[in-house]
Amino acid sequence: MKILLIEDNEDLNITVKNFLEVIGYDVTSVFDGNDAISIIDSTQFDLYIIDINIPHVSGLDIVKYTRQKDISSAIIVITASLGIENFVDAFNYGCSEYIKKPFHLKELDIRIKKLLEKNTMENFKISENMYYNFRLEELNIDGQIVHLRKKANRLLQILLQNINKTVKNDEIINFVWENDIKEKYPLRQLVTELRKELNSKVNYITTKVGVGYKFTV
């Protein structure tokens, strides 16, 4: 399992990295926000461990940016003190768990294992003949893999991750187009395309006009 550790305290960074590697994790560690952004842009991880107070780009901004790029992997925030406003922002931006400094390494290990158990979505059942494999990023209908275009695939991922909840248009656009700035985003056409690929009499994707879309099962 691949972990990205973002911690500017050199001693703690090295200690946590060594500990996680000893117990079998593949750990990449960085010390500041700029390096973190570069790595997040090029590599996907199973877990992100992010310190709130890091140089150049704040940990909260890193959490938000990470979640826009990766909707499914777990994020643990570590901090010496987390005020209520930062606490709310961290979870609103997509934090999965937090741990307060100082902490025991075994506590971190336990939290990681619990999160990974919770975060494992091998086959998400949509109907009796349809499921989505998050690890392989594949839609399977009637035993056959449906080859979705990348953007249709990402649209399906974010809707399934928020099953039975309306996902706002801006959140979908940020995730599907990966922060690519355009004058116009053909979101409506993409939803129509995905509906056709699902090839079902059931209208799984409903529209809340002016707000967003919801996948209902």
Protein backbone atom coordinates (compact mmCIF):
# COMPACT_ATOMS: atom_id res chain seq x y z
CA MET A 1 0.00 0.00 0.00
CA LYS A 2 1.27 3.44 -0.97
CA ILE A 3 1.28 6.30 1.55
CA LEU A 4 2.16 9.96 1.07
CA LEU A 5 3.42 11.57 4.30
CA ILE A 6 3.49 15.38 4.41
CA GLU A 7 5.19 16.61 7.59
CA ASP A 8 7.65 19.51 7.94
CA ASN A 9 9.14 18.40 11.27
CA GLU A 10 12.18 16.47 10.06
CA ASP A 11 12.52 14.21 13.12
CA LEU A 12 8.83 13.28 13.12
CA ASN A 13 8.80 12.81 9.35
CA ILE A 14 11.73 10.37 9.47
CA THR A 15 10.37 8.54 12.54
CA VAL A 16 6.89 8.01 11.05
CA LYS A 17 8.29 7.05 7.64
CA ASN A 18 10.66 4.47 9.12
CA PHE A 19 7.95 3.01 11.34
CA LEU A 20 5.45 2.62 8.49
CA GLU A 21 8.05 1.09 6.20
CA VAL A 22 9.05 -1.45 8.85
CA ILE A 23 5.45 -2.69 9.08
CA GLY A 24 5.24 -3.04 5.32
CA TYR A 25 3.94 0.19 3.79
CA ASP A 26 5.44 1.93 0.74
CA VAL A 27 5.98 5.49 2.01
CA THR A 28 6.86 8.67 0.13
CA SER A 29 7.54 11.63 2.42
CA VAL A 30 7.85 15.36 1.75
CA PHE A 31 8.37 18.39 3.98
CA ASP A 32 6.38 21.21 2.33
CA GLY A 33 3.23 21.96 0.37
CA ASN A 34 4.82 22.69 -2.99
CA ASP A 35 6.53 19.29 -3.13
CA ALA A 36 3.29 17.65 -2.00
CA ILE A 37 1.30 19.24 -4.84
CA SER A 38 3.85 18.09 -7.43
CA ILE A 39 3.70 14.49 -6.20
CA ILE A 40 -0.10 14.45 -5.89
CA ASP A 41 -0.32 15.62 -9.50
CA SER A 42 1.77 12.72 -10.73
CA THR A 43 1.03 9.80 -8.38
CA GLN A 44 -2.02 8.28 -6.70
CA PHE A 45 -1.73 6.97 -3.16
CA ASP A 46 -3.91 4.72 -1.01
CA LEU A 47 -3.51 7.00 2.01
CA TYR A 48 -2.42 10.59 2.62
CA ILE A 49 -1.08 11.70 6.03
CA ILE A 50 -1.06 15.50 6.11
CA ASP A 51 0.20 17.91 8.76
CA ILE A 52 -1.93 21.07 8.99
CA ASN A 53 1.00 23.45 9.51
CA ILE A 54 3.43 23.01 6.60
CA PRO A 55 5.35 25.61 4.56
CA HIS A 56 4.20 27.19 1.27
CA VAL A 57 0.79 25.55 0.98
CA SER A 58 -1.33 24.92 4.08
CA GLY A 59 -2.31 21.42 5.07
CA LEU A 60 -6.00 22.31 4.75
CA ASP A 61 -5.46 23.43 1.16
CA ILE A 62 -3.57 20.18 0.51
CA VAL A 63 -6.53 18.19 1.87
CA LYS A 64 -8.92 20.07 -0.41
CA TYR A 65 -6.65 19.71 -3.44
CA THR A 66 -6.05 16.01 -2.76
CA ARG A 67 -9.76 15.26 -2.52
CA GLN A 68 -10.42 17.01 -5.84
CA LYS A 69 -7.86 14.72 -7.46
CA ASP A 70 -8.64 11.54 -5.53
CA ILE A 71 -12.17 10.97 -4.26
CA SER A 72 -11.69 7.56 -2.68
CA SER A 73 -8.35 7.31 -0.82
CA ALA A 74 -8.20 7.96 2.91
CA ILE A 75 -6.77 11.18 4.37
CA ILE A 76 -5.46 11.52 7.94
CA VAL A 77 -4.75 15.01 9.28
CA ILE A 78 -2.12 15.35 12.00
CA THR A 79 -1.80 18.51 14.07
CA ALA A 80 -0.60 19.85 17.40
CA SER A 81 -3.82 21.84 17.83
CA LEU A 82 -6.92 21.81 15.66
CA GLY A 83 -9.30 24.73 16.32
CA ILE A 84 -12.99 24.14 15.72
CA GLU A 85 -12.97 26.13 12.45
CA ASN A 86 -10.01 24.18 11.08
CA PHE A 87 -11.59 20.96 12.32
CA VAL A 88 -14.80 21.69 10.41
CA ASP A 89 -12.89 22.77 7.29
CA ALA A 90 -10.71 19.65 7.36
CA PHE A 91 -13.72 17.33 7.30
CA ASN A 92 -15.64 19.48 4.84
CA TYR A 93 -12.65 19.30 2.49
CA GLY A 94 -12.57 15.51 2.67
CA CYS A 95 -10.45 14.52 5.68
CA SER A 96 -11.22 10.95 6.80
CA GLU A 97 -9.63 11.03 10.26
CA TYR A 98 -7.36 13.17 12.41
CA ILE A 99 -4.76 12.46 15.06
CA LYS A 100 -3.41 14.97 17.55
CA LYS A 101 0.27 15.43 18.37
CA PRO A 102 1.96 13.97 20.28
CA PHE A 103 0.76 10.50 19.34
CA HIS A 104 2.01 6.95 19.70
CA LEU A 105 3.08 5.27 16.47
CA LYS A 106 0.93 2.25 17.35
CA GLU A 107 -2.10 4.54 17.54
CA LEU A 108 -1.34 5.76 14.02
CA ASP A 109 -1.03 2.15 12.83
CA ILE A 110 -4.42 1.25 14.33
CA ARG A 111 -6.12 4.26 12.77
CA ILE A 112 -4.62 3.46 9.37
CA LYS A 113 -5.82 -0.14 9.49
CA LYS A 114 -9.33 0.88 10.52
CA LEU A 115 -9.52 3.48 7.78
CA LEU A 116 -8.31 1.07 5.11
CA GLU A 117 -10.87 -1.52 6.17
CA LYS A 118 -13.60 1.11 5.94
CA ASN A 119 -12.27 2.52 2.69
CA THR A 120 -12.04 -0.77 0.79
CA MET A 121 -14.74 -0.79 -1.87
CA GLU A 122 -13.80 -3.68 -4.11
CA ASN A 123 -17.14 -4.21 -5.82
CA PHE A 124 -19.93 -1.68 -5.34
CA LYS A 125 -23.22 -3.34 -6.22
CA ILE A 126 -25.53 -1.09 -8.21
CA SER A 127 -28.08 -3.75 -9.17
CA GLU A 128 -28.30 -7.52 -9.56
CA ASN A 129 -26.47 -7.36 -12.89
CA MET A 130 -24.32 -4.26 -12.42
CA TYR A 131 -21.41 -3.36 -10.18
CA TYR A 132 -18.45 -0.98 -10.11
CA ASN A 133 -14.94 -2.00 -9.06
CA PHE A 134 -13.22 1.02 -7.49
CA ARG A 135 -9.77 -0.57 -7.38
CA LEU A 136 -9.81 -1.47 -11.07
CA GLU A 137 -12.01 1.53 -11.99
CA GLU A 138 -14.28 -0.72 -14.05
CA LEU A 139 -18.02 -0.87 -14.62
CA ASN A 140 -19.37 -4.37 -15.10
CA ILE A 141 -22.82 -5.04 -16.58
CA ASP A 142 -24.10 -8.57 -17.18
CA GLY A 143 -20.59 -9.93 -16.64
CA GLN A 144 -19.07 -7.65 -19.29
CA ILE A 145 -16.72 -4.71 -18.68
CA VAL A 146 -18.09 -1.44 -20.03
CA HIS A 147 -15.21 0.70 -21.30
CA LEU A 148 -16.08 4.19 -20.11
CA ARG A 149 -14.22 7.29 -21.25
CA LYS A 150 -12.01 8.73 -18.50
CA LYS A 151 -14.33 11.63 -17.67
CA ALA A 152 -17.43 9.43 -17.64
CA ASN A 153 -15.55 7.05 -15.35
CA ARG A 154 -14.62 9.84 -12.94
CA LEU A 155 -18.19 11.13 -12.99
CA LEU A 156 -19.46 7.69 -12.01
CA GLN A 157 -16.86 7.46 -9.22
CA ILE A 158 -17.81 10.72 -7.54
CA LEU A 159 -21.52 9.96 -7.79
CA LEU A 160 -21.10 6.47 -6.30
CA GLN A 161 -18.89 7.79 -3.52
CA ASN A 162 -21.78 10.08 -2.59
CA ILE A 163 -24.53 7.54 -3.18
CA ASN A 164 -28.07 8.86 -2.61
CA LYS A 165 -26.73 12.39 -2.02
CA THR A 166 -26.73 15.34 -4.42
CA VAL A 167 -23.22 16.28 -5.53
CA LYS A 168 -22.88 19.93 -6.43
CA ASN A 169 -21.96 20.85 -10.00
CA ASP A 170 -18.77 22.63 -8.92
CA GLU A 171 -17.56 19.58 -6.97
CA ILE A 172 -18.20 17.32 -9.96
CA ILE A 173 -16.44 19.69 -12.35
CA ASN A 174 -13.38 20.05 -10.09
CA PHE A 175 -13.04 16.28 -9.78
CA VAL A 176 -13.91 15.20 -13.33
CA TRP A 177 -11.91 17.90 -15.10
CA GLU A 178 -9.15 17.79 -12.44
CA ASN A 179 -9.04 21.58 -11.98
CA ASP A 180 -8.59 22.17 -15.71
CA ILE A 181 -9.76 25.73 -16.39
CA LYS A 182 -12.20 26.02 -19.29
CA GLU A 183 -14.74 28.57 -20.44
CA LYS A 184 -17.41 25.88 -20.57
CA TYR A 185 -17.74 22.41 -19.06
CA PRO A 186 -20.01 19.99 -20.96
CA LEU A 187 -21.30 18.40 -17.75
CA ARG A 188 -24.86 17.89 -18.95
CA GLN A 189 -23.64 16.04 -22.06
CA LEU A 190 -21.34 13.90 -19.91
CA VAL A 191 -24.25 12.90 -17.66
CA THR A 192 -26.28 11.96 -20.75
CA GLU A 193 -23.37 9.86 -22.00
CA LEU A 194 -23.08 8.02 -18.67
CA ARG A 195 -26.81 7.35 -18.56
CA LYS A 196 -26.55 5.71 -21.99
CA GLU A 197 -23.57 3.60 -20.89
CA LEU A 198 -25.52 2.33 -17.88
CA ASN A 199 -28.05 1.04 -20.41
CA SER A 200 -30.82 0.67 -17.85
CA LYS A 201 -34.55 1.33 -17.69
CA VAL A 202 -33.91 2.67 -14.20
CA ASN A 203 -32.90 6.34 -14.12
CA TYR A 204 -30.11 6.06 -11.56
CA ILE A 205 -28.87 9.63 -12.11
CA THR A 206 -31.28 12.41 -11.21
CA THR A 207 -30.83 16.13 -11.66
CA LYS A 208 -31.37 18.86 -9.10
CA VAL A 209 -31.64 21.82 -11.44
CA GLY A 210 -29.03 24.47 -10.79
CA VAL A 211 -27.46 22.44 -7.97
CA GLY A 212 -26.04 19.08 -9.07
CA TYR A 213 -26.66 15.37 -9.64
CA LYS A 214 -27.50 12.35 -7.49
CA PHE A 215 -26.97 8.63 -8.06
CA THR A 216 -29.76 6.70 -6.35
CA VAL A 217 -29.90 2.96 -5.61
